[in-house]
Amino acid sequence: LLLLSATSGALPLFGGTLLVGQPLVGPLALSLNIRVGGTPGVAGSGSLALPIVFNSPSLLGVDLYLQTGFVDTAAVQWVSLSNGLRLQAG
C-alpha cells in the first residue's frame, strides 16, 4: 500500500509509526495498492521507482509525504511500514 498525504504525522501503528497525515493532522490524500520486485522473505530486496514531475509553478514549495506498508508475515503484527519520504516541489 502506498500512502500519500499533504501533511505529515506520527501515529503508532502495527508496531511501527505511520508518518503520513492522519485525521488529527490532516486527511490522507491517496492510497494505492502496489507490488514491488525482490526476493520474497529477503528483507530490503524489493524496490519501486516512481517518476514524479512537478512542472507547474503553482506547485512550488508544496510538500508531499509518502510511506508504504506491506503485508509481512515476519513482522510483529504482519505489517511492515517503510521509512517516511517528504517530497518538496522546488
N, C-alpha and C. Protein backbone atom coordinates (compact mmCIF):
# COMPACT_ATOMS: atom_id res chain seq x y z
N LEU A 1 0.84 -1.17 0.00
CA LEU A 1 0.00 0.00 0.00
C LEU A 1 0.89 1.23 0.00
N LEU A 2 0.67 2.15 -0.91
CA LEU A 2 1.41 3.41 -0.97
C LEU A 2 0.49 4.49 -0.43
N LEU A 3 0.92 5.19 0.59
CA LEU A 3 0.14 6.25 1.21
C LEU A 3 0.74 7.60 0.84
N LEU A 4 -0.10 8.55 0.52
CA LEU A 4 0.33 9.88 0.10
C LEU A 4 -0.55 10.91 0.78
N SER A 5 0.06 11.95 1.34
CA SER A 5 -0.70 12.99 2.02
C SER A 5 0.03 14.32 1.89
N ALA A 6 -0.70 15.40 2.07
CA ALA A 6 -0.12 16.74 2.07
C ALA A 6 0.39 17.13 3.46
N THR A 7 0.19 16.25 4.44
CA THR A 7 0.64 16.53 5.80
C THR A 7 1.40 15.33 6.35
N SER A 8 2.28 15.59 7.31
CA SER A 8 2.99 14.51 7.98
C SER A 8 2.24 14.12 9.24
N GLY A 9 2.66 13.03 9.84
CA GLY A 9 2.02 12.56 11.06
C GLY A 9 2.99 11.71 11.86
N ALA A 10 2.53 11.20 12.97
CA ALA A 10 3.31 10.30 13.81
C ALA A 10 2.35 9.51 14.68
N LEU A 11 1.74 8.49 14.08
CA LEU A 11 0.75 7.67 14.77
C LEU A 11 1.29 6.25 14.93
N PRO A 12 1.44 5.75 16.17
CA PRO A 12 1.87 4.37 16.35
C PRO A 12 0.87 3.42 15.68
N LEU A 13 1.39 2.49 14.87
CA LEU A 13 0.51 1.59 14.12
C LEU A 13 1.27 0.32 13.75
N PHE A 14 0.70 -0.83 14.01
CA PHE A 14 1.27 -2.13 13.63
C PHE A 14 2.71 -2.32 14.09
N GLY A 15 3.05 -1.81 15.24
CA GLY A 15 4.41 -1.95 15.76
C GLY A 15 5.40 -0.98 15.14
N GLY A 16 4.92 -0.05 14.32
CA GLY A 16 5.76 0.98 13.70
C GLY A 16 5.11 2.33 13.90
N THR A 17 5.43 3.27 13.02
CA THR A 17 4.85 4.61 13.10
C THR A 17 4.36 5.03 11.73
N LEU A 18 3.09 5.40 11.65
CA LEU A 18 2.51 5.96 10.43
C LEU A 18 2.95 7.41 10.35
N LEU A 19 3.69 7.76 9.30
CA LEU A 19 4.30 9.08 9.21
C LEU A 19 3.59 10.02 8.24
N VAL A 20 2.58 9.55 7.53
CA VAL A 20 1.80 10.42 6.66
C VAL A 20 0.60 10.95 7.44
N GLY A 21 -0.06 11.98 6.89
CA GLY A 21 -1.16 12.65 7.58
C GLY A 21 -2.21 11.69 8.12
N GLN A 22 -2.79 12.09 9.19
CA GLN A 22 -3.82 11.32 9.88
C GLN A 22 -4.97 12.26 10.21
N PRO A 23 -6.11 11.76 10.64
CA PRO A 23 -7.26 12.63 10.88
C PRO A 23 -7.00 13.83 11.79
N LEU A 24 -6.15 13.69 12.80
CA LEU A 24 -5.91 14.82 13.69
C LEU A 24 -4.94 15.84 13.07
N VAL A 25 -4.18 15.42 12.07
CA VAL A 25 -3.18 16.28 11.45
C VAL A 25 -3.67 16.76 10.09
N GLY A 26 -4.28 15.90 9.34
CA GLY A 26 -4.78 16.23 8.01
C GLY A 26 -5.25 14.96 7.32
N PRO A 27 -6.01 15.11 6.27
CA PRO A 27 -6.57 13.93 5.61
C PRO A 27 -5.55 13.18 4.78
N LEU A 28 -5.77 11.90 4.63
CA LEU A 28 -4.96 11.08 3.74
C LEU A 28 -5.43 11.38 2.33
N ALA A 29 -4.52 11.76 1.45
CA ALA A 29 -4.89 12.20 0.12
C ALA A 29 -5.11 11.04 -0.85
N LEU A 30 -4.30 9.98 -0.74
CA LEU A 30 -4.35 8.93 -1.73
C LEU A 30 -3.72 7.67 -1.17
N SER A 31 -4.28 6.53 -1.49
CA SER A 31 -3.62 5.27 -1.19
C SER A 31 -3.74 4.37 -2.42
N LEU A 32 -2.65 3.67 -2.75
CA LEU A 32 -2.60 2.79 -3.91
C LEU A 32 -2.05 1.44 -3.52
N ASN A 33 -2.62 0.39 -4.07
CA ASN A 33 -2.04 -0.94 -3.90
C ASN A 33 -0.88 -1.06 -4.88
N ILE A 34 0.28 -1.49 -4.39
CA ILE A 34 1.47 -1.63 -5.25
C ILE A 34 2.11 -2.99 -5.03
N ARG A 35 2.92 -3.40 -5.98
CA ARG A 35 3.70 -4.64 -5.86
C ARG A 35 5.14 -4.27 -6.19
N VAL A 36 6.06 -4.68 -5.34
CA VAL A 36 7.47 -4.38 -5.58
C VAL A 36 8.20 -5.64 -6.01
N GLY A 37 9.32 -5.45 -6.71
CA GLY A 37 10.16 -6.58 -7.08
C GLY A 37 10.99 -7.02 -5.89
N GLY A 38 11.75 -8.05 -6.06
CA GLY A 38 12.61 -8.52 -4.98
C GLY A 38 12.29 -9.95 -4.61
N THR A 39 13.17 -10.54 -3.83
CA THR A 39 13.01 -11.92 -3.41
C THR A 39 12.14 -12.00 -2.16
N PRO A 40 11.01 -12.73 -2.22
CA PRO A 40 10.17 -12.87 -1.03
C PRO A 40 10.97 -13.45 0.14
N GLY A 41 10.79 -12.87 1.31
CA GLY A 41 11.47 -13.34 2.51
C GLY A 41 12.85 -12.76 2.72
N VAL A 42 13.33 -11.93 1.78
CA VAL A 42 14.64 -11.31 1.93
C VAL A 42 14.43 -9.83 2.22
N ALA A 43 14.67 -9.45 3.47
CA ALA A 43 14.44 -8.07 3.90
C ALA A 43 15.21 -7.07 3.05
N GLY A 44 14.54 -6.02 2.61
CA GLY A 44 15.18 -4.94 1.88
C GLY A 44 15.50 -5.23 0.42
N SER A 45 15.05 -6.36 -0.11
CA SER A 45 15.40 -6.69 -1.50
C SER A 45 14.44 -6.09 -2.52
N GLY A 46 13.30 -5.59 -2.09
CA GLY A 46 12.33 -5.02 -3.02
C GLY A 46 12.59 -3.57 -3.30
N SER A 47 12.13 -3.11 -4.46
CA SER A 47 12.26 -1.69 -4.80
C SER A 47 11.14 -1.29 -5.75
N LEU A 48 10.91 0.00 -5.83
CA LEU A 48 9.89 0.55 -6.71
C LEU A 48 10.34 1.95 -7.12
N ALA A 49 10.31 2.24 -8.41
CA ALA A 49 10.66 3.57 -8.91
C ALA A 49 9.39 4.30 -9.32
N LEU A 50 9.24 5.52 -8.85
CA LEU A 50 8.09 6.35 -9.19
C LEU A 50 8.57 7.65 -9.82
N PRO A 51 8.42 7.80 -11.13
CA PRO A 51 8.82 9.08 -11.74
C PRO A 51 7.76 10.14 -11.43
N ILE A 52 8.15 11.14 -10.67
CA ILE A 52 7.22 12.21 -10.28
C ILE A 52 7.76 13.52 -10.82
N VAL A 53 6.91 14.24 -11.53
CA VAL A 53 7.31 15.51 -12.13
C VAL A 53 6.42 16.62 -11.59
N PHE A 54 7.06 17.61 -10.95
CA PHE A 54 6.36 18.82 -10.52
C PHE A 54 6.68 19.89 -11.55
N ASN A 55 5.85 20.07 -12.55
CA ASN A 55 6.18 21.02 -13.60
C ASN A 55 5.26 22.24 -13.64
N SER A 56 4.49 22.44 -12.63
CA SER A 56 3.61 23.60 -12.57
C SER A 56 4.16 24.61 -11.56
N PRO A 57 4.32 25.88 -11.94
CA PRO A 57 4.80 26.90 -11.00
C PRO A 57 3.91 27.02 -9.76
N SER A 58 2.65 26.67 -9.89
CA SER A 58 1.75 26.77 -8.73
C SER A 58 2.06 25.73 -7.66
N LEU A 59 2.87 24.71 -7.99
CA LEU A 59 3.23 23.67 -7.02
C LEU A 59 4.54 23.96 -6.29
N LEU A 60 5.23 25.04 -6.64
CA LEU A 60 6.49 25.36 -5.96
C LEU A 60 6.28 25.46 -4.46
N GLY A 61 7.13 24.77 -3.71
CA GLY A 61 7.05 24.80 -2.25
C GLY A 61 6.04 23.84 -1.66
N VAL A 62 5.31 23.09 -2.48
CA VAL A 62 4.32 22.13 -1.99
C VAL A 62 5.05 20.90 -1.46
N ASP A 63 4.66 20.43 -0.28
CA ASP A 63 5.22 19.21 0.30
C ASP A 63 4.24 18.06 0.13
N LEU A 64 4.77 16.88 -0.20
CA LEU A 64 4.01 15.64 -0.22
C LEU A 64 4.73 14.65 0.67
N TYR A 65 3.98 13.90 1.44
CA TYR A 65 4.53 12.90 2.36
C TYR A 65 4.07 11.52 1.90
N LEU A 66 5.02 10.60 1.78
CA LEU A 66 4.73 9.26 1.30
C LEU A 66 5.27 8.22 2.27
N GLN A 67 4.59 7.09 2.31
CA GLN A 67 5.04 5.95 3.10
C GLN A 67 4.39 4.70 2.52
N THR A 68 5.07 3.58 2.64
CA THR A 68 4.50 2.32 2.17
C THR A 68 4.26 1.38 3.35
N GLY A 69 3.29 0.52 3.17
CA GLY A 69 3.00 -0.55 4.13
C GLY A 69 2.87 -1.85 3.37
N PHE A 70 3.43 -2.92 3.92
CA PHE A 70 3.43 -4.21 3.23
C PHE A 70 2.95 -5.30 4.16
N VAL A 71 2.21 -6.27 3.61
CA VAL A 71 1.90 -7.49 4.34
C VAL A 71 3.22 -8.22 4.53
N ASP A 72 3.53 -8.56 5.77
CA ASP A 72 4.83 -9.16 6.09
C ASP A 72 4.63 -10.17 7.20
N THR A 73 4.67 -11.44 6.86
CA THR A 73 4.42 -12.49 7.85
C THR A 73 5.50 -12.55 8.93
N ALA A 74 6.66 -11.94 8.69
CA ALA A 74 7.73 -11.93 9.70
C ALA A 74 7.64 -10.71 10.62
N ALA A 75 6.75 -9.78 10.32
CA ALA A 75 6.61 -8.57 11.14
C ALA A 75 5.79 -8.86 12.40
N VAL A 76 5.94 -8.02 13.39
CA VAL A 76 5.27 -8.21 14.68
C VAL A 76 3.77 -8.38 14.52
N GLN A 77 3.14 -7.51 13.73
CA GLN A 77 1.69 -7.59 13.54
C GLN A 77 1.34 -7.82 12.07
N TRP A 78 2.20 -8.52 11.35
CA TRP A 78 2.03 -8.91 9.95
C TRP A 78 2.04 -7.73 8.98
N VAL A 79 2.48 -6.56 9.43
CA VAL A 79 2.57 -5.38 8.57
C VAL A 79 3.92 -4.71 8.80
N SER A 80 4.61 -4.40 7.70
CA SER A 80 5.84 -3.62 7.77
C SER A 80 5.57 -2.25 7.20
N LEU A 81 6.05 -1.22 7.88
CA LEU A 81 5.93 0.16 7.39
C LEU A 81 7.31 0.65 7.00
N SER A 82 7.41 1.32 5.86
CA SER A 82 8.68 1.87 5.41
C SER A 82 9.01 3.14 6.17
N ASN A 83 10.21 3.65 5.95
CA ASN A 83 10.53 5.00 6.40
C ASN A 83 9.62 5.96 5.64
N GLY A 84 9.41 7.13 6.19
CA GLY A 84 8.63 8.15 5.50
C GLY A 84 9.48 8.90 4.50
N LEU A 85 8.84 9.48 3.51
CA LEU A 85 9.53 10.26 2.50
C LEU A 85 8.80 11.60 2.33
N ARG A 86 9.55 12.68 2.33
CA ARG A 86 8.99 14.01 2.08
C ARG A 86 9.49 14.50 0.73
N LEU A 87 8.57 14.82 -0.17
CA LEU A 87 8.91 15.41 -1.47
C LEU A 87 8.52 16.87 -1.42
N GLN A 88 9.41 17.73 -1.87
CA GLN A 88 9.09 19.14 -1.91
C GLN A 88 9.33 19.66 -3.32
N ALA A 89 8.30 20.26 -3.90
CA ALA A 89 8.43 20.83 -5.24
C ALA A 89 9.24 22.11 -5.14
N GLY A 90 10.20 22.24 -5.99
CA GLY A 90 11.01 23.45 -5.94
C GLY A 90 12.08 23.37 -6.87
